[in-house]
Amino acid sequence: MDNKIQNEVHDDNVRKVLKDDGVSIISTEEKYENLSKTSLEEIKSKFGKASWAVRVIYNELFGGVLIQQQPGEGNRLHYHPDADECWVILEGEWEWYIEGEGKKIVTVNDIVVVKKGIKHQIKCIGEKTGIRLAITRPDVNHVYEKN
């Protein structure tokens, strides 16, 4: 077996990935999925100030998840071997580490794209809660290095 693969953990269970990244409330209910119109304000009032993730788009080609996190929260360094991923920043300030490019600071209305196979890590920074819309392949495979 390839040494690189032996040192990796693969996970395509998006609920587990989000939970392992510290998101306390995760909704993949059909109530919020694939609506012709989704209200960010309604979702914020329903799920409150805690860290949460709500899947709003889900089909055979792509999925979209709104993710709210607090300053200092984010995800673990990982990559997706089979899909690009992009995000639209809706609130807050974020730090993105993208392999080969280093760190970038992004804010409201910025769009971030990371190609498949490129390691990346996201962290909410500043004083305010952040919200981003993550868009990628549904149930995308997340690959982490073993600790």
N, C-alpha and C. Protein backbone atom coordinates (compact mmCIF):
# COMPACT_ATOMS: atom_id res chain seq x y z
N MET A 1 0.83 -1.18 0.00
CA MET A 1 0.00 0.00 0.00
C MET A 1 0.88 1.24 0.00
N ASP A 2 0.47 2.24 -0.76
CA ASP A 2 1.17 3.50 -0.86
C ASP A 2 1.33 4.13 0.53
N ASN A 3 2.54 4.60 0.86
CA ASN A 3 2.82 5.18 2.18
C ASN A 3 1.94 6.40 2.45
N LYS A 4 1.69 7.22 1.40
CA LYS A 4 0.85 8.39 1.57
C LYS A 4 -0.55 7.98 2.03
N ILE A 5 -1.13 6.96 1.40
CA ILE A 5 -2.47 6.50 1.75
C ILE A 5 -2.49 5.95 3.17
N GLN A 6 -1.44 5.27 3.61
CA GLN A 6 -1.37 4.75 4.97
C GLN A 6 -1.41 5.86 6.00
N ASN A 7 -0.95 7.05 5.63
CA ASN A 7 -0.88 8.17 6.56
C ASN A 7 -2.07 9.12 6.43
N GLU A 8 -3.14 8.66 5.76
CA GLU A 8 -4.31 9.51 5.56
C GLU A 8 -5.57 8.88 6.13
N VAL A 9 -6.51 9.76 6.47
CA VAL A 9 -7.84 9.35 6.90
C VAL A 9 -8.83 9.96 5.91
N HIS A 10 -9.69 9.12 5.32
CA HIS A 10 -10.70 9.58 4.36
C HIS A 10 -12.05 9.59 5.05
N ASP A 11 -12.86 10.64 4.80
CA ASP A 11 -14.18 10.73 5.41
C ASP A 11 -15.13 11.44 4.46
N ASP A 12 -16.19 10.76 4.01
CA ASP A 12 -17.19 11.38 3.15
C ASP A 12 -18.52 11.58 3.87
N ASN A 13 -18.52 11.42 5.19
CA ASN A 13 -19.70 11.67 6.00
C ASN A 13 -19.64 13.13 6.46
N VAL A 14 -20.32 14.01 5.72
CA VAL A 14 -20.21 15.44 5.96
C VAL A 14 -20.67 15.82 7.37
N ARG A 15 -21.70 15.15 7.89
CA ARG A 15 -22.14 15.43 9.26
C ARG A 15 -21.02 15.15 10.25
N LYS A 16 -20.31 14.03 10.10
CA LYS A 16 -19.21 13.67 10.99
C LYS A 16 -18.05 14.67 10.84
N VAL A 17 -17.74 15.03 9.61
CA VAL A 17 -16.66 15.99 9.36
C VAL A 17 -16.95 17.30 10.09
N LEU A 18 -18.18 17.81 9.94
CA LEU A 18 -18.54 19.06 10.59
C LEU A 18 -18.48 18.94 12.12
N LYS A 19 -19.01 17.83 12.63
CA LYS A 19 -18.98 17.60 14.09
C LYS A 19 -17.54 17.55 14.59
N ASP A 20 -16.67 16.81 13.88
CA ASP A 20 -15.27 16.71 14.27
C ASP A 20 -14.55 18.06 14.20
N ASP A 21 -15.07 18.97 13.37
CA ASP A 21 -14.50 20.32 13.27
C ASP A 21 -15.11 21.28 14.28
N GLY A 22 -15.96 20.78 15.20
CA GLY A 22 -16.48 21.60 16.28
C GLY A 22 -17.81 22.27 16.03
N VAL A 23 -18.49 21.93 14.94
CA VAL A 23 -19.80 22.51 14.67
C VAL A 23 -20.82 21.75 15.51
N SER A 24 -21.52 22.47 16.39
CA SER A 24 -22.39 21.80 17.36
C SER A 24 -23.78 21.48 16.84
N ILE A 25 -24.31 22.27 15.91
CA ILE A 25 -25.65 22.04 15.36
C ILE A 25 -25.52 21.80 13.86
N ILE A 26 -26.00 20.65 13.41
CA ILE A 26 -25.88 20.29 11.99
C ILE A 26 -27.26 19.88 11.50
N SER A 27 -27.75 20.56 10.46
CA SER A 27 -29.06 20.25 9.91
C SER A 27 -28.93 19.84 8.45
N THR A 28 -29.33 18.62 8.17
CA THR A 28 -29.43 18.16 6.79
C THR A 28 -30.89 17.82 6.50
N GLU A 29 -31.79 18.51 7.21
CA GLU A 29 -33.22 18.29 7.04
C GLU A 29 -33.68 18.79 5.67
N GLU A 30 -34.62 18.09 5.09
CA GLU A 30 -35.17 18.52 3.81
C GLU A 30 -35.88 19.86 3.91
N LYS A 31 -36.26 20.27 5.11
CA LYS A 31 -36.97 21.54 5.30
C LYS A 31 -36.21 22.72 4.69
N TYR A 32 -34.88 22.66 4.69
CA TYR A 32 -34.07 23.77 4.19
C TYR A 32 -33.40 23.48 2.86
N GLU A 33 -33.57 22.29 2.33
CA GLU A 33 -32.87 21.89 1.11
C GLU A 33 -33.66 22.23 -0.15
N ASN A 34 -32.94 22.73 -1.14
CA ASN A 34 -33.45 22.87 -2.51
C ASN A 34 -34.70 23.71 -2.62
N LEU A 35 -34.84 24.69 -1.74
CA LEU A 35 -35.96 25.61 -1.84
C LEU A 35 -35.69 26.60 -2.98
N SER A 36 -36.73 27.11 -3.60
CA SER A 36 -36.52 28.10 -4.66
C SER A 36 -35.98 29.41 -4.09
N LYS A 37 -36.20 29.63 -2.79
CA LYS A 37 -35.67 30.81 -2.10
C LYS A 37 -35.34 30.40 -0.66
N THR A 38 -34.15 30.76 -0.22
CA THR A 38 -33.73 30.47 1.15
C THR A 38 -33.39 31.79 1.83
N SER A 39 -33.84 31.96 3.06
CA SER A 39 -33.58 33.19 3.80
C SER A 39 -32.49 32.94 4.83
N LEU A 40 -31.36 33.61 4.66
CA LEU A 40 -30.28 33.50 5.63
C LEU A 40 -30.74 34.01 6.99
N GLU A 41 -31.51 35.08 7.00
CA GLU A 41 -31.99 35.63 8.27
C GLU A 41 -32.89 34.64 9.01
N GLU A 42 -33.74 33.91 8.28
CA GLU A 42 -34.59 32.89 8.91
C GLU A 42 -33.75 31.77 9.51
N ILE A 43 -32.75 31.33 8.77
CA ILE A 43 -31.88 30.27 9.28
C ILE A 43 -31.11 30.75 10.51
N LYS A 44 -30.60 31.98 10.47
CA LYS A 44 -29.88 32.53 11.62
C LYS A 44 -30.78 32.61 12.85
N SER A 45 -32.05 33.03 12.67
CA SER A 45 -32.94 33.13 13.81
C SER A 45 -33.33 31.75 14.34
N LYS A 46 -33.41 30.76 13.49
CA LYS A 46 -33.75 29.40 13.91
C LYS A 46 -32.61 28.75 14.69
N PHE A 47 -31.37 28.91 14.21
CA PHE A 47 -30.23 28.18 14.79
C PHE A 47 -29.40 29.01 15.76
N GLY A 48 -29.60 30.31 15.81
CA GLY A 48 -28.98 31.14 16.84
C GLY A 48 -27.51 31.45 16.65
N LYS A 49 -26.87 31.76 17.76
CA LYS A 49 -25.50 32.25 17.76
C LYS A 49 -24.45 31.15 17.84
N ALA A 50 -24.86 29.94 18.15
CA ALA A 50 -23.90 28.82 18.24
C ALA A 50 -23.32 28.54 16.86
N SER A 51 -22.31 27.70 16.82
CA SER A 51 -21.78 27.25 15.53
C SER A 51 -22.74 26.24 14.95
N TRP A 52 -23.10 26.44 13.67
CA TRP A 52 -24.06 25.54 13.04
C TRP A 52 -23.73 25.38 11.56
N ALA A 53 -24.32 24.34 10.98
CA ALA A 53 -24.22 24.10 9.54
C ALA A 53 -25.58 23.62 9.07
N VAL A 54 -26.06 24.20 7.97
CA VAL A 54 -27.36 23.86 7.41
C VAL A 54 -27.18 23.60 5.92
N ARG A 55 -27.52 22.38 5.50
CA ARG A 55 -27.43 22.05 4.07
C ARG A 55 -28.63 22.66 3.36
N VAL A 56 -28.36 23.52 2.37
CA VAL A 56 -29.42 24.20 1.64
C VAL A 56 -29.53 23.74 0.18
N ILE A 57 -28.51 23.06 -0.30
CA ILE A 57 -28.50 22.54 -1.67
C ILE A 57 -28.00 21.11 -1.63
N TYR A 58 -28.72 20.20 -2.30
CA TYR A 58 -28.27 18.81 -2.32
C TYR A 58 -28.87 18.11 -3.54
N ASN A 59 -28.00 17.72 -4.46
CA ASN A 59 -28.43 16.94 -5.62
C ASN A 59 -27.28 16.04 -6.05
N GLU A 60 -27.43 15.37 -7.18
CA GLU A 60 -26.40 14.41 -7.59
C GLU A 60 -25.12 15.06 -8.09
N LEU A 61 -25.15 16.37 -8.37
CA LEU A 61 -23.98 17.05 -8.90
C LEU A 61 -23.23 17.91 -7.88
N PHE A 62 -23.97 18.59 -7.00
CA PHE A 62 -23.30 19.47 -6.04
C PHE A 62 -24.18 19.67 -4.81
N GLY A 63 -23.52 20.09 -3.73
CA GLY A 63 -24.21 20.40 -2.49
C GLY A 63 -23.74 21.74 -1.98
N GLY A 64 -24.59 22.38 -1.21
CA GLY A 64 -24.25 23.67 -0.62
C GLY A 64 -24.63 23.67 0.85
N VAL A 65 -23.70 24.07 1.70
CA VAL A 65 -23.92 24.08 3.14
C VAL A 65 -23.56 25.47 3.67
N LEU A 66 -24.52 26.08 4.38
CA LEU A 66 -24.24 27.31 5.11
C LEU A 66 -23.56 26.91 6.42
N ILE A 67 -22.44 27.56 6.74
CA ILE A 67 -21.70 27.23 7.95
C ILE A 67 -21.43 28.50 8.73
N GLN A 68 -21.87 28.51 9.99
CA GLN A 68 -21.58 29.63 10.89
C GLN A 68 -20.59 29.16 11.94
N GLN A 69 -19.53 29.94 12.11
CA GLN A 69 -18.56 29.63 13.15
C GLN A 69 -18.13 30.90 13.87
N GLN A 70 -17.59 30.71 15.05
CA GLN A 70 -17.15 31.81 15.91
C GLN A 70 -15.66 32.08 15.67
N PRO A 71 -15.20 33.30 16.01
CA PRO A 71 -13.78 33.59 15.88
C PRO A 71 -12.93 32.51 16.57
N GLY A 72 -11.91 32.06 15.87
CA GLY A 72 -11.03 31.01 16.38
C GLY A 72 -11.43 29.63 15.92
N GLU A 73 -12.65 29.46 15.44
CA GLU A 73 -13.12 28.15 14.95
C GLU A 73 -12.86 28.03 13.46
N GLY A 74 -12.81 26.80 13.01
CA GLY A 74 -12.60 26.53 11.60
C GLY A 74 -12.60 25.05 11.35
N ASN A 75 -11.75 24.62 10.44
CA ASN A 75 -11.66 23.19 10.16
C ASN A 75 -10.20 22.74 10.17
N ARG A 76 -10.04 21.45 10.02
CA ARG A 76 -8.70 20.85 10.01
C ARG A 76 -8.13 20.89 8.60
N LEU A 77 -6.80 20.89 8.50
CA LEU A 77 -6.13 20.85 7.20
C LEU A 77 -6.55 19.59 6.47
N HIS A 78 -7.02 19.74 5.22
CA HIS A 78 -7.50 18.60 4.46
C HIS A 78 -7.48 18.93 2.96
N TYR A 79 -7.83 17.93 2.15
CA TYR A 79 -8.04 18.15 0.72
C TYR A 79 -9.13 17.22 0.24
N HIS A 80 -9.61 17.48 -0.97
CA HIS A 80 -10.63 16.65 -1.60
C HIS A 80 -10.01 16.05 -2.86
N PRO A 81 -9.87 14.72 -2.93
CA PRO A 81 -9.21 14.11 -4.08
C PRO A 81 -10.07 14.10 -5.34
N ASP A 82 -11.37 14.32 -5.20
CA ASP A 82 -12.27 14.11 -6.33
C ASP A 82 -13.16 15.29 -6.67
N ALA A 83 -12.92 16.47 -6.08
CA ALA A 83 -13.79 17.61 -6.35
C ALA A 83 -13.14 18.93 -5.95
N ASP A 84 -13.41 19.96 -6.76
CA ASP A 84 -13.08 21.32 -6.37
C ASP A 84 -14.08 21.74 -5.29
N GLU A 85 -13.77 22.82 -4.58
CA GLU A 85 -14.70 23.36 -3.60
C GLU A 85 -14.64 24.89 -3.68
N CYS A 86 -15.77 25.52 -3.47
CA CYS A 86 -15.78 26.99 -3.45
C CYS A 86 -16.67 27.47 -2.32
N TRP A 87 -16.46 28.72 -1.93
CA TRP A 87 -17.19 29.33 -0.82
C TRP A 87 -17.54 30.75 -1.18
N VAL A 88 -18.69 31.19 -0.71
CA VAL A 88 -19.09 32.59 -0.78
C VAL A 88 -19.14 33.09 0.66
N ILE A 89 -18.43 34.16 0.94
CA ILE A 89 -18.37 34.70 2.30
C ILE A 89 -19.58 35.63 2.50
N LEU A 90 -20.42 35.26 3.45
CA LEU A 90 -21.64 36.03 3.72
C LEU A 90 -21.52 36.95 4.92
N GLU A 91 -20.72 36.54 5.91
CA GLU A 91 -20.51 37.37 7.10
C GLU A 91 -19.13 37.08 7.68
N GLY A 92 -18.58 38.07 8.34
CA GLY A 92 -17.34 37.86 9.09
C GLY A 92 -16.08 37.97 8.26
N GLU A 93 -15.00 37.60 8.92
CA GLU A 93 -13.67 37.63 8.32
C GLU A 93 -13.04 36.26 8.53
N TRP A 94 -12.41 35.75 7.50
CA TRP A 94 -11.86 34.40 7.52
C TRP A 94 -10.42 34.40 7.04
N GLU A 95 -9.67 33.44 7.58
CA GLU A 95 -8.31 33.19 7.11
C GLU A 95 -8.31 31.84 6.40
N TRP A 96 -7.86 31.83 5.16
CA TRP A 96 -7.76 30.61 4.38
C TRP A 96 -6.30 30.29 4.18
N TYR A 97 -5.91 29.08 4.50
CA TYR A 97 -4.59 28.58 4.10
C TYR A 97 -4.84 27.71 2.88
N ILE A 98 -4.16 28.00 1.80
CA ILE A 98 -4.26 27.21 0.57
C ILE A 98 -2.84 26.77 0.19
N GLU A 99 -2.65 25.46 0.12
CA GLU A 99 -1.34 24.91 -0.22
C GLU A 99 -0.81 25.55 -1.51
N GLY A 100 0.44 26.00 -1.45
CA GLY A 100 1.07 26.62 -2.61
C GLY A 100 0.82 28.11 -2.71
N GLU A 101 -0.12 28.63 -1.92
CA GLU A 101 -0.45 30.06 -1.97
C GLU A 101 -0.29 30.73 -0.62
N GLY A 102 -0.24 29.95 0.44
CA GLY A 102 -0.14 30.52 1.78
C GLY A 102 -1.48 30.95 2.32
N LYS A 103 -1.46 31.95 3.21
CA LYS A 103 -2.68 32.41 3.87
C LYS A 103 -3.27 33.60 3.14
N LYS A 104 -4.61 33.64 3.12
CA LYS A 104 -5.36 34.75 2.54
C LYS A 104 -6.41 35.17 3.55
N ILE A 105 -6.66 36.46 3.65
CA ILE A 105 -7.75 36.98 4.47
C ILE A 105 -8.89 37.29 3.51
N VAL A 106 -10.08 36.78 3.84
CA VAL A 106 -11.25 37.02 3.00
C VAL A 106 -12.39 37.57 3.86
N THR A 107 -13.24 38.37 3.23
CA THR A 107 -14.34 39.02 3.93
C THR A 107 -15.62 38.93 3.10
N VAL A 108 -16.66 39.57 3.59
CA VAL A 108 -17.98 39.54 2.98
C VAL A 108 -17.90 39.84 1.48
N ASN A 109 -18.62 39.01 0.72
CA ASN A 109 -18.74 39.09 -0.74
C ASN A 109 -17.53 38.52 -1.49
N ASP A 110 -16.52 38.03 -0.78
CA ASP A 110 -15.41 37.35 -1.46
C ASP A 110 -15.84 35.94 -1.82
N ILE A 111 -15.25 35.43 -2.90
CA ILE A 111 -15.48 34.06 -3.35
C ILE A 111 -14.12 33.37 -3.38
N VAL A 112 -14.04 32.20 -2.76
CA VAL A 112 -12.79 31.45 -2.69
C VAL A 112 -12.99 30.13 -3.42
N VAL A 113 -12.01 29.75 -4.24
CA VAL A 113 -12.05 28.49 -4.98
C VAL A 113 -10.77 27.72 -4.69
N VAL A 114 -10.91 26.44 -4.36
CA VAL A 114 -9.75 25.56 -4.18
C VAL A 114 -9.97 24.34 -5.07
N LYS A 115 -9.00 24.05 -5.90
CA LYS A 115 -9.06 22.91 -6.82
C LYS A 115 -8.86 21.60 -6.06
N LYS A 116 -9.40 20.54 -6.64
CA LYS A 116 -9.25 19.22 -6.01
C LYS A 116 -7.77 18.89 -5.83
N GLY A 117 -7.49 18.17 -4.75
CA GLY A 117 -6.12 17.75 -4.47
C GLY A 117 -5.28 18.78 -3.74
N ILE A 118 -5.79 19.99 -3.55
CA ILE A 118 -5.03 21.06 -2.89
C ILE A 118 -5.44 21.13 -1.41
N LYS A 119 -4.48 21.03 -0.53
CA LYS A 119 -4.77 21.12 0.90
C LYS A 119 -5.20 22.54 1.26
N HIS A 120 -6.16 22.61 2.19
CA HIS A 120 -6.64 23.91 2.63
C HIS A 120 -7.18 23.81 4.05
N GLN A 121 -7.23 24.96 4.70
CA GLN A 121 -7.73 25.05 6.07
C GLN A 121 -8.36 26.43 6.24
N ILE A 122 -9.48 26.47 6.96
CA ILE A 122 -10.26 27.69 7.11
C ILE A 122 -10.39 28.01 8.60
N LYS A 123 -10.31 29.32 8.92
CA LYS A 123 -10.47 29.75 10.31
C LYS A 123 -11.18 31.09 10.34
N CYS A 124 -12.22 31.19 11.16
CA CYS A 124 -12.91 32.46 11.39
C CYS A 124 -12.01 33.32 12.27
N ILE A 125 -11.79 34.56 11.86
CA ILE A 125 -10.92 35.46 12.62
C ILE A 125 -11.67 36.77 12.91
N GLY A 126 -11.04 37.64 13.62
CA GLY A 126 -11.64 38.93 13.93
C GLY A 126 -12.54 38.84 15.15
N GLU A 127 -13.46 39.78 15.25
CA GLU A 127 -14.32 39.90 16.42
C GLU A 127 -15.72 39.34 16.22
N LYS A 128 -16.11 39.08 14.96
CA LYS A 128 -17.50 38.72 14.67
C LYS A 128 -17.64 37.28 14.21
N THR A 129 -18.84 36.74 14.43
CA THR A 129 -19.21 35.44 13.89
C THR A 129 -19.10 35.49 12.37
N GLY A 130 -18.72 34.38 11.77
CA GLY A 130 -18.63 34.31 10.32
C GLY A 130 -19.60 33.29 9.75
N ILE A 131 -20.07 33.57 8.54
CA ILE A 131 -20.93 32.61 7.82
C ILE A 131 -20.40 32.51 6.40
N ARG A 132 -20.27 31.27 5.94
CA ARG A 132 -19.84 31.02 4.56
C ARG A 132 -20.76 29.98 3.95
N LEU A 133 -20.94 30.05 2.64
CA LEU A 133 -21.67 29.04 1.89
C LEU A 133 -20.64 28.20 1.17
N ALA A 134 -20.53 26.93 1.56
CA ALA A 134 -19.59 26.00 0.94
C ALA A 134 -20.33 25.23 -0.15
N ILE A 135 -19.71 25.16 -1.34
CA ILE A 135 -20.32 24.46 -2.47
C ILE A 135 -19.30 23.50 -3.05
N THR A 136 -19.70 22.22 -3.14
CA THR A 136 -18.83 21.21 -3.72
C THR A 136 -19.68 19.98 -4.08
N ARG A 137 -19.02 18.94 -4.46
CA ARG A 137 -19.69 17.68 -4.76
C ARG A 137 -20.45 17.18 -3.51
N PRO A 138 -21.63 16.61 -3.68
CA PRO A 138 -22.35 16.12 -2.50
C PRO A 138 -21.56 15.00 -1.82
N ASP A 139 -21.57 15.00 -0.50
CA ASP A 139 -20.86 13.98 0.28
C ASP A 139 -19.41 13.86 -0.16
N VAL A 140 -18.77 14.99 -0.34
CA VAL A 140 -17.39 15.05 -0.82
C VAL A 140 -16.45 14.35 0.16
N ASN A 141 -15.45 13.70 -0.38
CA ASN A 141 -14.45 13.00 0.42
C ASN A 141 -13.46 14.01 0.99
N HIS A 142 -13.30 14.03 2.30
CA HIS A 142 -12.31 14.85 2.99
C HIS A 142 -11.15 13.94 3.37
N VAL A 143 -9.94 14.35 3.06
CA VAL A 143 -8.75 13.56 3.36
C VAL A 143 -7.86 14.35 4.31
N TYR A 144 -7.55 13.72 5.46
CA TYR A 144 -6.72 14.31 6.49
C TYR A 144 -5.49 13.45 6.69
N GLU A 145 -4.39 14.07 7.11
CA GLU A 145 -3.22 13.31 7.51
C GLU A 145 -3.47 12.73 8.88
N LYS A 146 -3.05 11.49 9.10
CA LYS A 146 -3.15 10.89 10.45
C LYS A 146 -2.21 11.63 11.37
N ASN A 147 -2.66 11.80 12.61
CA ASN A 147 -1.81 12.45 13.61
C ASN A 147 -0.82 11.48 14.19
